């Protein structure tokens, strides 16, 4: 069975690192907001599904 917790951790860490490397410019604003919202939503789902 796939280790979804490990996959979540790897993907979220990479997305967070990518956000950290993107300059906070107007050109990047929309992309940063979309990525951050997805990270927040994934974290909420992961936390709420924990036993």
N, C-alpha and C. Protein backbone atom coordinates (compact mmCIF):
# COMPACT_ATOMS: atom_id res chain seq x y z
N UNK A 1 0.85 -1.19 0.00
CA UNK A 1 0.00 0.00 0.00
C UNK A 1 0.89 1.25 0.00
N UNK A 2 0.54 2.25 -0.79
CA UNK A 2 1.35 3.47 -0.84
C UNK A 2 1.39 4.18 0.51
N UNK A 3 2.50 4.79 0.79
CA UNK A 3 2.67 5.56 2.02
C UNK A 3 2.27 7.01 1.73
N UNK A 4 0.97 7.28 1.87
CA UNK A 4 0.44 8.60 1.52
C UNK A 4 1.01 9.70 2.41
N UNK A 5 1.29 9.39 3.66
CA UNK A 5 1.88 10.39 4.55
C UNK A 5 3.24 10.83 4.06
N UNK A 6 4.04 9.86 3.62
CA UNK A 6 5.38 10.19 3.11
C UNK A 6 5.27 10.98 1.80
N UNK A 7 4.34 10.57 0.93
CA UNK A 7 4.15 11.30 -0.33
C UNK A 7 3.70 12.73 -0.06
N UNK A 8 2.78 12.90 0.89
CA UNK A 8 2.31 14.23 1.27
C UNK A 8 3.47 15.09 1.75
N UNK A 9 4.28 14.52 2.63
CA UNK A 9 5.41 15.27 3.20
C UNK A 9 6.40 15.69 2.12
N UNK A 10 6.71 14.80 1.21
CA UNK A 10 7.66 15.11 0.14
C UNK A 10 7.12 16.21 -0.76
N UNK A 11 5.88 16.06 -1.20
CA UNK A 11 5.29 17.03 -2.11
C UNK A 11 5.12 18.40 -1.46
N UNK A 12 4.64 18.42 -0.23
CA UNK A 12 4.44 19.70 0.44
C UNK A 12 5.76 20.39 0.75
N UNK A 13 6.77 19.63 1.11
CA UNK A 13 8.09 20.22 1.36
C UNK A 13 8.64 20.84 0.08
N UNK A 14 8.49 20.15 -1.03
CA UNK A 14 8.98 20.68 -2.31
C UNK A 14 8.20 21.93 -2.72
N UNK A 15 6.89 21.91 -2.55
CA UNK A 15 6.08 23.08 -2.90
C UNK A 15 6.45 24.26 -2.01
N UNK A 16 6.67 24.00 -0.74
CA UNK A 16 7.06 25.07 0.18
C UNK A 16 8.43 25.64 -0.20
N UNK A 17 9.36 24.76 -0.54
CA UNK A 17 10.69 25.22 -0.98
C UNK A 17 10.58 26.05 -2.25
N UNK A 18 9.72 25.63 -3.17
CA UNK A 18 9.52 26.39 -4.41
C UNK A 18 8.96 27.77 -4.12
N UNK A 19 8.01 27.84 -3.20
CA UNK A 19 7.46 29.15 -2.80
C UNK A 19 8.55 30.04 -2.23
N UNK A 20 9.43 29.46 -1.43
CA UNK A 20 10.50 30.24 -0.82
C UNK A 20 11.46 30.82 -1.85
N UNK A 21 11.61 30.15 -3.01
CA UNK A 21 12.54 30.62 -4.02
C UNK A 21 11.93 31.65 -4.96
N UNK A 22 10.59 31.69 -5.03
CA UNK A 22 9.93 32.65 -5.92
C UNK A 22 9.94 34.05 -5.31
N UNK A 23 10.46 35.01 -6.03
CA UNK A 23 10.42 36.38 -5.52
C UNK A 23 8.97 36.84 -5.35
N UNK A 24 8.74 37.66 -4.36
CA UNK A 24 7.39 38.18 -4.12
C UNK A 24 7.15 39.40 -5.00
N UNK A 25 6.98 39.12 -6.29
CA UNK A 25 6.71 40.19 -7.27
C UNK A 25 5.26 40.09 -7.73
N UNK A 26 4.80 41.13 -8.38
CA UNK A 26 3.43 41.13 -8.90
C UNK A 26 3.24 40.02 -9.93
N UNK A 27 4.28 39.73 -10.71
CA UNK A 27 4.18 38.68 -11.72
C UNK A 27 3.98 37.30 -11.10
N UNK A 28 4.49 37.10 -9.90
CA UNK A 28 4.40 35.80 -9.23
C UNK A 28 3.25 35.71 -8.24
N UNK A 29 2.57 36.80 -8.01
CA UNK A 29 1.55 36.84 -6.96
C UNK A 29 0.49 35.77 -7.12
N UNK A 30 -0.12 35.67 -8.29
CA UNK A 30 -1.20 34.71 -8.50
C UNK A 30 -0.71 33.28 -8.31
N UNK A 31 0.43 32.96 -8.86
CA UNK A 31 0.98 31.61 -8.71
C UNK A 31 1.30 31.27 -7.27
N UNK A 32 1.87 32.23 -6.56
CA UNK A 32 2.18 32.02 -5.14
C UNK A 32 0.90 31.80 -4.33
N UNK A 33 -0.14 32.58 -4.62
CA UNK A 33 -1.41 32.44 -3.88
C UNK A 33 -2.07 31.08 -4.15
N UNK A 34 -2.04 30.63 -5.40
CA UNK A 34 -2.62 29.33 -5.75
C UNK A 34 -1.86 28.21 -5.04
N UNK A 35 -0.55 28.26 -5.09
CA UNK A 35 0.27 27.23 -4.46
C UNK A 35 0.10 27.23 -2.95
N UNK A 36 0.07 28.39 -2.34
CA UNK A 36 -0.09 28.47 -0.89
C UNK A 36 -1.47 27.96 -0.47
N UNK A 37 -2.50 28.30 -1.22
CA UNK A 37 -3.84 27.83 -0.91
C UNK A 37 -3.92 26.31 -1.00
N UNK A 38 -3.28 25.73 -2.00
CA UNK A 38 -3.27 24.27 -2.15
C UNK A 38 -2.52 23.62 -0.99
N UNK A 39 -1.41 24.20 -0.57
CA UNK A 39 -0.68 23.68 0.58
C UNK A 39 -1.53 23.74 1.84
N UNK A 40 -2.20 24.85 2.05
CA UNK A 40 -3.06 25.00 3.23
C UNK A 40 -4.19 23.98 3.22
N UNK A 41 -4.80 23.78 2.05
CA UNK A 41 -5.91 22.83 1.94
C UNK A 41 -5.43 21.39 2.17
N UNK A 42 -4.29 21.05 1.58
CA UNK A 42 -3.74 19.70 1.76
C UNK A 42 -3.40 19.44 3.22
N UNK A 43 -2.85 20.44 3.88
CA UNK A 43 -2.52 20.29 5.30
C UNK A 43 -3.78 20.08 6.14
N UNK A 44 -4.81 20.83 5.84
CA UNK A 44 -6.06 20.69 6.59
C UNK A 44 -6.67 19.31 6.39
N UNK A 45 -6.67 18.82 5.17
CA UNK A 45 -7.20 17.48 4.89
C UNK A 45 -6.36 16.43 5.60
N UNK A 46 -5.06 16.55 5.52
CA UNK A 46 -4.16 15.57 6.15
C UNK A 46 -4.38 15.53 7.66
N UNK A 47 -4.46 16.69 8.27
CA UNK A 47 -4.65 16.76 9.73
C UNK A 47 -6.02 16.21 10.13
N UNK A 48 -7.05 16.56 9.38
CA UNK A 48 -8.40 16.13 9.75
C UNK A 48 -8.63 14.64 9.53
N UNK A 49 -7.83 14.01 8.68
CA UNK A 49 -7.97 12.57 8.40
C UNK A 49 -7.11 11.71 9.31
N UNK A 50 -6.29 12.31 10.15
CA UNK A 50 -5.46 11.53 11.06
C UNK A 50 -6.32 10.85 12.12
N UNK A 51 -5.98 9.61 12.46
CA UNK A 51 -6.77 8.91 13.50
C UNK A 51 -6.61 9.52 14.87
